[in-house]
């Protein structure tokens, strides 16, 4: 997969994870394993992206995906 595709997939997983966390907090969703699955998949994609682009890591070693993803989406308009 290309970096842009991985970034899009990671963003989609992150949104799904946040939505599921909100649903769990509001007691609309009981399946916390769904959150764990999204977290594992998101972490896997982040690891691949870190291997491909080590210069995108921030001070604390976490990938700066959100900013890069926004740049990609705005440049594709």
N, C-alpha and C. Protein backbone atom coordinates (compact mmCIF):
# COMPACT_ATOMS: atom_id res chain seq x y z
N UNK A 1 0.83 -1.19 0.00
CA UNK A 1 0.00 0.00 0.00
C UNK A 1 0.87 1.25 0.00
N UNK A 2 0.36 2.28 -0.62
CA UNK A 2 1.07 3.54 -0.62
C UNK A 2 0.83 4.30 0.68
N UNK A 3 1.69 5.24 0.94
CA UNK A 3 1.59 6.01 2.18
C UNK A 3 0.26 6.75 2.27
N UNK A 4 -0.19 7.35 1.19
CA UNK A 4 -1.45 8.09 1.21
C UNK A 4 -2.63 7.17 1.52
N UNK A 5 -2.62 5.98 0.94
CA UNK A 5 -3.69 5.02 1.21
C UNK A 5 -3.68 4.61 2.68
N UNK A 6 -2.48 4.38 3.22
CA UNK A 6 -2.36 4.01 4.63
C UNK A 6 -2.84 5.14 5.53
N UNK A 7 -2.51 6.37 5.17
CA UNK A 7 -2.97 7.51 5.97
C UNK A 7 -4.49 7.60 5.97
N UNK A 8 -5.10 7.42 4.80
CA UNK A 8 -6.56 7.46 4.72
C UNK A 8 -7.19 6.36 5.55
N UNK A 9 -6.61 5.16 5.46
CA UNK A 9 -7.14 4.03 6.23
C UNK A 9 -6.98 4.27 7.73
N UNK A 10 -5.84 4.81 8.13
CA UNK A 10 -5.61 5.11 9.55
C UNK A 10 -6.59 6.16 10.05
N UNK A 11 -6.85 7.19 9.25
CA UNK A 11 -7.82 8.22 9.64
C UNK A 11 -9.22 7.63 9.79
N UNK A 12 -9.61 6.76 8.86
CA UNK A 12 -10.93 6.13 8.94
C UNK A 12 -11.04 5.27 10.20
N UNK A 13 -9.99 4.52 10.50
CA UNK A 13 -9.99 3.71 11.72
C UNK A 13 -10.06 4.58 12.96
N UNK A 14 -9.34 5.68 12.96
CA UNK A 14 -9.35 6.58 14.11
C UNK A 14 -10.75 7.16 14.34
N UNK A 15 -11.40 7.56 13.24
CA UNK A 15 -12.77 8.08 13.37
C UNK A 15 -13.71 7.00 13.89
N UNK A 16 -13.58 5.78 13.39
CA UNK A 16 -14.42 4.68 13.85
C UNK A 16 -14.18 4.38 15.33
N UNK A 17 -12.92 4.42 15.73
CA UNK A 17 -12.57 4.19 17.13
C UNK A 17 -13.20 5.26 18.02
N UNK A 18 -13.08 6.51 17.64
CA UNK A 18 -13.64 7.60 18.44
C UNK A 18 -15.16 7.49 18.52
N UNK A 19 -15.79 7.15 17.40
CA UNK A 19 -17.25 7.00 17.39
C UNK A 19 -17.67 5.86 18.32
N UNK A 20 -16.95 4.75 18.27
CA UNK A 20 -17.27 3.60 19.12
C UNK A 20 -17.06 3.94 20.59
N UNK A 21 -15.99 4.67 20.90
CA UNK A 21 -15.75 5.08 22.29
C UNK A 21 -16.89 5.96 22.81
N UNK A 22 -17.37 6.86 21.97
CA UNK A 22 -18.50 7.72 22.38
C UNK A 22 -19.74 6.88 22.61
N UNK A 23 -20.00 5.93 21.70
CA UNK A 23 -21.18 5.07 21.85
C UNK A 23 -21.10 4.24 23.12
N UNK A 24 -19.90 3.76 23.45
CA UNK A 24 -19.73 2.99 24.69
C UNK A 24 -19.98 3.90 25.89
N UNK A 25 -19.44 5.11 25.85
CA UNK A 25 -19.64 6.05 26.96
C UNK A 25 -21.11 6.40 27.15
N UNK A 26 -21.85 6.45 26.05
CA UNK A 26 -23.28 6.76 26.12
C UNK A 26 -24.13 5.52 26.31
N UNK A 27 -23.47 4.39 26.52
CA UNK A 27 -24.13 3.09 26.72
C UNK A 27 -24.97 2.64 25.53
N UNK A 28 -24.61 3.11 24.35
CA UNK A 28 -25.30 2.66 23.14
C UNK A 28 -24.62 1.42 22.56
N UNK A 29 -23.36 1.24 22.91
CA UNK A 29 -22.55 0.13 22.38
C UNK A 29 -21.96 -0.61 23.56
N UNK A 30 -22.06 -1.93 23.54
CA UNK A 30 -21.51 -2.74 24.63
C UNK A 30 -20.24 -3.49 24.21
N UNK A 31 -19.93 -3.47 22.94
CA UNK A 31 -18.85 -4.28 22.40
C UNK A 31 -17.51 -3.55 22.49
N UNK A 32 -16.82 -3.67 23.62
CA UNK A 32 -15.53 -3.00 23.77
C UNK A 32 -14.43 -3.69 22.96
N UNK A 33 -14.65 -4.92 22.55
CA UNK A 33 -13.66 -5.60 21.72
C UNK A 33 -13.54 -4.91 20.36
N UNK A 34 -14.60 -4.24 19.95
CA UNK A 34 -14.57 -3.47 18.71
C UNK A 34 -13.52 -2.36 18.82
N UNK A 35 -13.47 -1.69 19.97
CA UNK A 35 -12.46 -0.65 20.21
C UNK A 35 -11.05 -1.23 20.15
N UNK A 36 -10.87 -2.36 20.80
CA UNK A 36 -9.54 -2.99 20.80
C UNK A 36 -9.11 -3.36 19.38
N UNK A 37 -10.05 -3.84 18.57
CA UNK A 37 -9.73 -4.20 17.19
C UNK A 37 -9.31 -2.96 16.40
N UNK A 38 -10.06 -1.86 16.55
CA UNK A 38 -9.70 -0.62 15.86
C UNK A 38 -8.33 -0.12 16.32
N UNK A 39 -8.05 -0.21 17.62
CA UNK A 39 -6.77 0.24 18.16
C UNK A 39 -5.61 -0.58 17.60
N UNK A 40 -5.79 -1.90 17.55
CA UNK A 40 -4.73 -2.77 17.01
C UNK A 40 -4.46 -2.46 15.54
N UNK A 41 -5.52 -2.33 14.77
CA UNK A 41 -5.36 -2.06 13.34
C UNK A 41 -4.72 -0.68 13.12
N UNK A 42 -5.14 0.30 13.89
CA UNK A 42 -4.57 1.64 13.78
C UNK A 42 -3.08 1.62 14.14
N UNK A 43 -2.73 0.90 15.19
CA UNK A 43 -1.32 0.79 15.61
C UNK A 43 -0.48 0.10 14.54
N UNK A 44 -1.06 -0.91 13.91
CA UNK A 44 -0.34 -1.63 12.84
C UNK A 44 -0.03 -0.68 11.69
N UNK A 45 -1.01 0.11 11.28
CA UNK A 45 -0.80 1.04 10.18
C UNK A 45 0.22 2.11 10.56
N UNK A 46 0.13 2.61 11.79
CA UNK A 46 1.10 3.62 12.25
C UNK A 46 2.52 3.07 12.24
N UNK A 47 2.68 1.81 12.61
CA UNK A 47 4.01 1.19 12.60
C UNK A 47 4.55 1.10 11.18
N UNK A 48 3.70 0.74 10.24
CA UNK A 48 4.13 0.67 8.83
C UNK A 48 4.53 2.06 8.35
N UNK A 49 3.73 3.07 8.68
CA UNK A 49 4.05 4.43 8.26
C UNK A 49 5.34 4.93 8.89
N UNK A 50 5.59 4.58 10.16
CA UNK A 50 6.84 4.98 10.81
C UNK A 50 8.04 4.36 10.10
N UNK A 51 7.90 3.10 9.67
CA UNK A 51 8.99 2.45 8.96
C UNK A 51 9.25 3.14 7.63
N UNK A 52 8.18 3.53 6.94
CA UNK A 52 8.34 4.16 5.63
C UNK A 52 8.88 5.58 5.74
N UNK A 53 8.44 6.33 6.75
CA UNK A 53 8.79 7.75 6.87
C UNK A 53 9.21 8.09 8.29
N UNK A 54 10.41 7.72 8.70
CA UNK A 54 10.82 8.01 10.08
C UNK A 54 10.95 9.50 10.37
N UNK A 55 11.08 10.36 9.36
CA UNK A 55 11.20 11.79 9.60
C UNK A 55 9.88 12.42 10.02
N UNK A 56 8.76 11.70 9.95
CA UNK A 56 7.46 12.24 10.34
C UNK A 56 7.15 12.06 11.82
N UNK A 57 8.09 11.55 12.58
CA UNK A 57 7.85 11.34 14.00
C UNK A 57 8.02 12.64 14.77
N UNK A 58 7.20 12.83 15.76
CA UNK A 58 7.26 14.03 16.60
C UNK A 58 8.24 13.85 17.73
N UNK A 59 8.21 14.78 18.68
CA UNK A 59 9.13 14.75 19.82
C UNK A 59 8.97 13.49 20.65
N UNK A 60 7.74 13.05 20.83
CA UNK A 60 7.50 11.89 21.68
C UNK A 60 7.50 10.58 20.90
N UNK A 61 7.93 10.61 19.64
CA UNK A 61 8.04 9.39 18.85
C UNK A 61 6.75 8.96 18.19
N UNK A 62 5.68 9.73 18.36
CA UNK A 62 4.42 9.36 17.74
C UNK A 62 4.32 10.00 16.37
N UNK A 63 3.72 9.29 15.49
CA UNK A 63 3.58 9.75 14.11
C UNK A 63 2.64 10.95 14.05
N UNK A 64 3.03 11.94 13.31
CA UNK A 64 2.22 13.13 13.16
C UNK A 64 1.28 12.93 11.97
N UNK A 65 0.37 11.97 12.10
CA UNK A 65 -0.49 11.60 10.98
C UNK A 65 -1.59 12.62 10.72
N UNK A 66 -2.19 13.14 11.73
CA UNK A 66 -3.33 14.03 11.53
C UNK A 66 -2.94 15.21 10.66
N UNK A 67 -1.82 15.85 10.94
CA UNK A 67 -1.39 16.99 10.15
C UNK A 67 -1.05 16.58 8.73
N UNK A 68 -0.37 15.46 8.59
CA UNK A 68 0.00 15.00 7.26
C UNK A 68 -1.24 14.62 6.47
N UNK A 69 -2.19 13.99 7.13
CA UNK A 69 -3.42 13.60 6.46
C UNK A 69 -4.18 14.83 5.98
N UNK A 70 -4.22 15.87 6.79
CA UNK A 70 -4.90 17.10 6.39
C UNK A 70 -4.21 17.73 5.19
N UNK A 71 -2.87 17.68 5.18
CA UNK A 71 -2.14 18.25 4.05
C UNK A 71 -2.46 17.49 2.78
N UNK A 72 -2.53 16.17 2.88
CA UNK A 72 -2.82 15.35 1.71
C UNK A 72 -4.22 15.64 1.21
N UNK A 73 -5.20 15.69 2.11
CA UNK A 73 -6.58 15.91 1.68
C UNK A 73 -6.76 17.30 1.10
N UNK A 74 -6.08 18.30 1.64
CA UNK A 74 -6.22 19.65 1.09
C UNK A 74 -5.48 19.80 -0.23
N UNK A 75 -4.40 19.07 -0.41
CA UNK A 75 -3.66 19.17 -1.67
C UNK A 75 -4.34 18.40 -2.79
N UNK A 76 -5.22 17.47 -2.45
CA UNK A 76 -5.89 16.68 -3.49
C UNK A 76 -7.15 17.36 -4.00
N UNK A 77 -7.51 18.52 -3.42
CA UNK A 77 -8.72 19.24 -3.86
C UNK A 77 -8.51 19.96 -5.15
